[in-house]
Amino acid sequence: MTTVSERLGHTNAAMTLNIYTHLWPDSEERTRAAVDKAYADQSADAQPQVDEAA
């Protein structure tokens, strides 16, 4: 974000965020969904595998 701020001529990253945050109104929900999916995938991978042939 710092590089973007510099390229846009803003004094700091907070200024850039204040100006452009409205462009990503659903980013919080997308982030939450991505984290939930990552935890679900991790939990599924951690489940012991059952050997049906045994």
PDB file of N, CA and C in Angstrom:
ATOM      1  N   MET A   1       0.824  -1.188   0.000  1.00  0.00           N
ATOM      2  CA  MET A   1       0.000   0.000   0.000  1.00  0.00           C
ATOM      3  C   MET A   1       0.866   1.248   0.000  1.00  0.00           C
ATOM      4  N   THR A   2       2.014   1.166   0.625  1.00  0.00           N
ATOM      5  CA  THR A   2       2.892   2.332   0.669  1.00  0.00           C
ATOM      6  C   THR A   2       3.329   2.735  -0.735  1.00  0.00           C
ATOM      7  N   THR A   3       3.664   1.755  -1.562  1.00  0.00           N
ATOM      8  CA  THR A   3       4.080   2.046  -2.928  1.00  0.00           C
ATOM      9  C   THR A   3       2.955   2.708  -3.708  1.00  0.00           C
ATOM     10  N   VAL A   4       1.740   2.204  -3.539  1.00  0.00           N
ATOM     11  CA  VAL A   4       0.579   2.791  -4.219  1.00  0.00           C
ATOM     12  C   VAL A   4       0.403   4.234  -3.771  1.00  0.00           C
ATOM     13  N   SER A   5       0.492   4.470  -2.468  1.00  0.00           N
ATOM     14  CA  SER A   5       0.354   5.828  -1.931  1.00  0.00           C
ATOM     15  C   SER A   5       1.379   6.775  -2.539  1.00  0.00           C
ATOM     16  N   GLU A   6       2.617   6.305  -2.603  1.00  0.00           N
ATOM     17  CA  GLU A   6       3.675   7.139  -3.172  1.00  0.00           C
ATOM     18  C   GLU A   6       3.405   7.447  -4.634  1.00  0.00           C
ATOM     19  N   ARG A   7       3.000   6.436  -5.386  1.00  0.00           N
ATOM     20  CA  ARG A   7       2.736   6.630  -6.824  1.00  0.00           C
ATOM     21  C   ARG A   7       1.587   7.602  -7.061  1.00  0.00           C
ATOM     22  N   LEU A   8       0.605   7.596  -6.157  1.00  0.00           N
ATOM     23  CA  LEU A   8      -0.546   8.491  -6.291  1.00  0.00           C
ATOM     24  C   LEU A   8      -0.277   9.876  -5.725  1.00  0.00           C
ATOM     25  N   GLY A   9       0.873  10.039  -5.077  1.00  0.00           N
ATOM     26  CA  GLY A   9       1.229  11.336  -4.522  1.00  0.00           C
ATOM     27  C   GLY A   9       0.581  11.618  -3.180  1.00  0.00           C
ATOM     28  N   HIS A  10       0.111  10.563  -2.508  1.00  0.00           N
ATOM     29  CA  HIS A  10      -0.502  10.739  -1.191  1.00  0.00           C
ATOM     30  C   HIS A  10       0.577  10.803  -0.123  1.00  0.00           C
ATOM     31  N   THR A  11       0.247  11.451   0.976  1.00  0.00           N
ATOM     32  CA  THR A  11       1.240  11.618   2.035  1.00  0.00           C
ATOM     33  C   THR A  11       1.503  10.334   2.812  1.00  0.00           C
ATOM     34  N   ASN A  12       0.510   9.438   2.859  1.00  0.00           N
ATOM     35  CA  ASN A  12       0.690   8.162   3.556  1.00  0.00           C
ATOM     36  C   ASN A  12      -0.387   7.165   3.108  1.00  0.00           C
ATOM     37  N   ALA A  13      -0.235   5.922   3.528  1.00  0.00           N
ATOM     38  CA  ALA A  13      -1.169   4.867   3.131  1.00  0.00           C
ATOM     39  C   ALA A  13      -2.571   5.112   3.692  1.00  0.00           C
ATOM     40  N   ALA A  14      -2.667   5.720   4.858  1.00  0.00           N
ATOM     41  CA  ALA A  14      -3.977   6.005   5.451  1.00  0.00           C
ATOM     42  C   ALA A  14      -4.786   6.929   4.545  1.00  0.00           C
ATOM     43  N   MET A  15      -4.123   7.893   3.955  1.00  0.00           N
ATOM     44  CA  MET A  15      -4.816   8.803   3.041  1.00  0.00           C
ATOM     45  C   MET A  15      -5.379   8.028   1.847  1.00  0.00           C
ATOM     46  N   THR A  16      -4.592   7.131   1.295  1.00  0.00           N
ATOM     47  CA  THR A  16      -5.040   6.312   0.165  1.00  0.00           C
ATOM     48  C   THR A  16      -6.238   5.462   0.563  1.00  0.00           C
ATOM     49  N   LEU A  17      -6.156   4.828   1.715  1.00  0.00           N
ATOM     50  CA  LEU A  17      -7.270   4.007   2.186  1.00  0.00           C
ATOM     51  C   LEU A  17      -8.520   4.846   2.411  1.00  0.00           C
ATOM     52  N   ASN A  18      -8.367   6.009   2.989  1.00  0.00           N
ATOM     53  CA  ASN A  18      -9.521   6.881   3.228  1.00  0.00           C
ATOM     54  C   ASN A  18     -10.215   7.268   1.927  1.00  0.00           C
ATOM     55  N   ILE A  19      -9.444   7.441   0.880  1.00  0.00           N
ATOM     56  CA  ILE A  19     -10.005   7.857  -0.406  1.00  0.00           C
ATOM     57  C   ILE A  19     -10.656   6.688  -1.145  1.00  0.00           C
ATOM     58  N   TYR A  20     -10.023   5.514  -1.119  1.00  0.00           N
ATOM     59  CA  TYR A  20     -10.449   4.420  -1.987  1.00  0.00           C
ATOM     60  C   TYR A  20     -11.167   3.261  -1.302  1.00  0.00           C
ATOM     61  N   THR A  21     -11.325   3.291   0.004  1.00  0.00           N
ATOM     62  CA  THR A  21     -11.960   2.184   0.720  1.00  0.00           C
ATOM     63  C   THR A  21     -13.357   1.878   0.202  1.00  0.00           C
ATOM     64  N   HIS A  22     -14.108   2.888  -0.197  1.00  0.00           N
ATOM     65  CA  HIS A  22     -15.476   2.672  -0.672  1.00  0.00           C
ATOM     66  C   HIS A  22     -15.534   1.789  -1.913  1.00  0.00           C
ATOM     67  N   LEU A  23     -14.419   1.602  -2.587  1.00  0.00           N
ATOM     68  CA  LEU A  23     -14.404   0.766  -3.781  1.00  0.00           C
ATOM     69  C   LEU A  23     -14.491  -0.724  -3.451  1.00  0.00           C
ATOM     70  N   TRP A  24     -14.232  -1.088  -2.202  1.00  0.00           N
ATOM     71  CA  TRP A  24     -14.266  -2.484  -1.778  1.00  0.00           C
ATOM     72  C   TRP A  24     -15.204  -2.675  -0.597  1.00  0.00           C
ATOM     73  N   PRO A  25     -16.493  -2.376  -0.764  1.00  0.00           N
ATOM     74  CA  PRO A  25     -17.418  -2.453   0.371  1.00  0.00           C
ATOM     75  C   PRO A  25     -17.617  -3.863   0.916  1.00  0.00           C
ATOM     76  N   ASP A  26     -17.407  -4.875   0.100  1.00  0.00           N
ATOM     77  CA  ASP A  26     -17.639  -6.244   0.573  1.00  0.00           C
ATOM     78  C   ASP A  26     -16.345  -6.962   0.934  1.00  0.00           C
ATOM     79  N   SER A  27     -15.243  -6.248   1.019  1.00  0.00           N
ATOM     80  CA  SER A  27     -13.959  -6.901   1.265  1.00  0.00           C
ATOM     81  C   SER A  27     -13.921  -7.590   2.625  1.00  0.00           C
ATOM     82  N   GLU A  28     -14.592  -7.046   3.625  1.00  0.00           N
ATOM     83  CA  GLU A  28     -14.607  -7.682   4.938  1.00  0.00           C
ATOM     84  C   GLU A  28     -15.301  -9.038   4.861  1.00  0.00           C
ATOM     85  N   GLU A  29     -16.419  -9.107   4.172  1.00  0.00           N
ATOM     86  CA  GLU A  29     -17.141 -10.370   4.037  1.00  0.00           C
ATOM     87  C   GLU A  29     -16.330 -11.383   3.219  1.00  0.00           C
ATOM     88  N   ARG A  30     -15.678 -10.924   2.152  1.00  0.00           N
ATOM     89  CA  ARG A  30     -14.848 -11.835   1.348  1.00  0.00           C
ATOM     90  C   ARG A  30     -13.690 -12.374   2.168  1.00  0.00           C
ATOM     91  N   THR A  31     -13.090 -11.520   2.989  1.00  0.00           N
ATOM     92  CA  THR A  31     -11.986 -11.957   3.836  1.00  0.00           C
ATOM     93  C   THR A  31     -12.469 -12.993   4.840  1.00  0.00           C
ATOM     94  N   ARG A  32     -13.608 -12.726   5.472  1.00  0.00           N
ATOM     95  CA  ARG A  32     -14.171 -13.662   6.432  1.00  0.00           C
ATOM     96  C   ARG A  32     -14.454 -15.009   5.770  1.00  0.00           C
ATOM     97  N   ALA A  33     -15.033 -14.991   4.584  1.00  0.00           N
ATOM     98  CA  ALA A  33     -15.351 -16.229   3.869  1.00  0.00           C
ATOM     99  C   ALA A  33     -14.080 -16.996   3.505  1.00  0.00           C
ATOM    100  N   ALA A  34     -13.039 -16.278   3.097  1.00  0.00           N
ATOM    101  CA  ALA A  34     -11.783 -16.930   2.733  1.00  0.00           C
ATOM    102  C   ALA A  34     -11.137 -17.590   3.946  1.00  0.00           C
ATOM    103  N   VAL A  35     -11.156 -16.914   5.092  1.00  0.00           N
ATOM    104  CA  VAL A  35     -10.586 -17.486   6.307  1.00  0.00           C
ATOM    105  C   VAL A  35     -11.399 -18.697   6.751  1.00  0.00           C
ATOM    106  N   ASP A  36     -12.727 -18.579   6.701  1.00  0.00           N
ATOM    107  CA  ASP A  36     -13.576 -19.714   7.061  1.00  0.00           C
ATOM    108  C   ASP A  36     -13.280 -20.920   6.178  1.00  0.00           C
ATOM    109  N   LYS A  37     -13.127 -20.692   4.878  1.00  0.00           N
ATOM    110  CA  LYS A  37     -12.838 -21.782   3.949  1.00  0.00           C
ATOM    111  C   LYS A  37     -11.478 -22.394   4.248  1.00  0.00           C
ATOM    112  N   ALA A  38     -10.488 -21.567   4.535  1.00  0.00           N
ATOM    113  CA  ALA A  38      -9.152 -22.076   4.836  1.00  0.00           C
ATOM    114  C   ALA A  38      -9.181 -22.953   6.079  1.00  0.00           C
ATOM    115  N   TYR A  39      -9.903 -22.516   7.108  1.00  0.00           N
ATOM    116  CA  TYR A  39     -10.011 -23.337   8.316  1.00  0.00           C
ATOM    117  C   TYR A  39     -10.767 -24.624   8.038  1.00  0.00           C
ATOM    118  N   ALA A  40     -11.821 -24.564   7.237  1.00  0.00           N
ATOM    119  CA  ALA A  40     -12.586 -25.762   6.906  1.00  0.00           C
ATOM    120  C   ALA A  40     -11.725 -26.741   6.124  1.00  0.00           C
ATOM    121  N   ASP A  41     -10.961 -26.232   5.155  1.00  0.00           N
ATOM    122  CA  ASP A  41     -10.073 -27.090   4.370  1.00  0.00           C
ATOM    123  C   ASP A  41      -9.018 -27.724   5.258  1.00  0.00           C
ATOM    124  N   GLN A  42      -8.473 -26.941   6.183  1.00  0.00           N
ATOM    125  CA  GLN A  42      -7.442 -27.442   7.087  1.00  0.00           C
ATOM    126  C   GLN A  42      -8.021 -28.519   7.992  1.00  0.00           C
ATOM    127  N   SER A  43      -9.220 -28.311   8.498  1.00  0.00           N
ATOM    128  CA  SER A  43      -9.867 -29.297   9.359  1.00  0.00           C
ATOM    129  C   SER A  43     -10.144 -30.581   8.601  1.00  0.00           C
ATOM    130  N   ALA A  44     -10.570 -30.469   7.361  1.00  0.00           N
ATOM    131  CA  ALA A  44     -10.846 -31.652   6.544  1.00  0.00           C
ATOM    132  C   ALA A  44      -9.563 -32.432   6.292  1.00  0.00           C
ATOM    133  N   ASP A  45      -8.460 -31.719   6.077  1.00  0.00           N
ATOM    134  CA  ASP A  45      -7.176 -32.383   5.852  1.00  0.00           C
ATOM    135  C   ASP A  45      -6.680 -33.071   7.113  1.00  0.00           C
ATOM    136  N   ALA A  46      -7.041 -32.563   8.278  1.00  0.00           N
ATOM    137  CA  ALA A  46      -6.555 -33.109   9.541  1.00  0.00           C
ATOM    138  C   ALA A  46      -7.368 -34.317  10.005  1.00  0.00           C
ATOM    139  N   GLN A  47      -8.494 -34.582   9.385  1.00  0.00           N
ATOM    140  CA  GLN A  47      -9.323 -35.711   9.774  1.00  0.00           C
ATOM    141  C   GLN A  47      -8.594 -37.014   9.449  1.00  0.00           C
ATOM    142  N   PRO A  48      -8.642 -37.975  10.375  1.00  0.00           N
ATOM    143  CA  PRO A  48      -7.977 -39.263  10.096  1.00  0.00           C
ATOM    144  C   PRO A  48      -8.672 -39.972   8.935  1.00  0.00           C
ATOM    145  N   GLN A  49      -7.879 -40.596   8.110  1.00  0.00           N
ATOM    146  CA  GLN A  49      -8.414 -41.336   6.971  1.00  0.00           C
ATOM    147  C   GLN A  49      -8.807 -42.734   7.427  1.00  0.00           C
ATOM    148  N   VAL A  50      -9.978 -43.150   7.049  1.00  0.00           N
ATOM    149  CA  VAL A  50     -10.472 -44.477   7.403  1.00  0.00           C
ATOM    150  C   VAL A  50     -10.201 -45.414   6.245  1.00  0.00           C
ATOM    151  N   ASP A  51      -9.555 -46.511   6.548  1.00  0.00           N
ATOM    152  CA  ASP A  51      -9.260 -47.500   5.528  1.00  0.00           C
ATOM    153  C   ASP A  51     -10.430 -48.482   5.467  1.00  0.00           C
ATOM    154  N   GLU A  52     -11.226 -48.378   4.417  1.00  0.00           N
ATOM    155  CA  GLU A  52     -12.421 -49.201   4.265  1.00  0.00           C
ATOM    156  C   GLU A  52     -12.085 -50.671   4.107  1.00  0.00           C
ATOM    157  N   ALA A  53     -10.882 -50.994   3.634  1.00  0.00           N
ATOM    158  CA  ALA A  53     -10.506 -52.382   3.388  1.00  0.00           C
ATOM    159  C   ALA A  53     -10.114 -53.108   4.666  1.00  0.00           C
ATOM    160  N   ALA A  54      -9.812 -52.389   5.697  1.00  0.00           N
ATOM    161  CA  ALA A  54      -9.334 -53.008   6.946  1.00  0.00           C
ATOM    162  C   ALA A  54     -10.429 -53.642   7.743  1.00  0.00           C
TER     163      ALA A  54
END
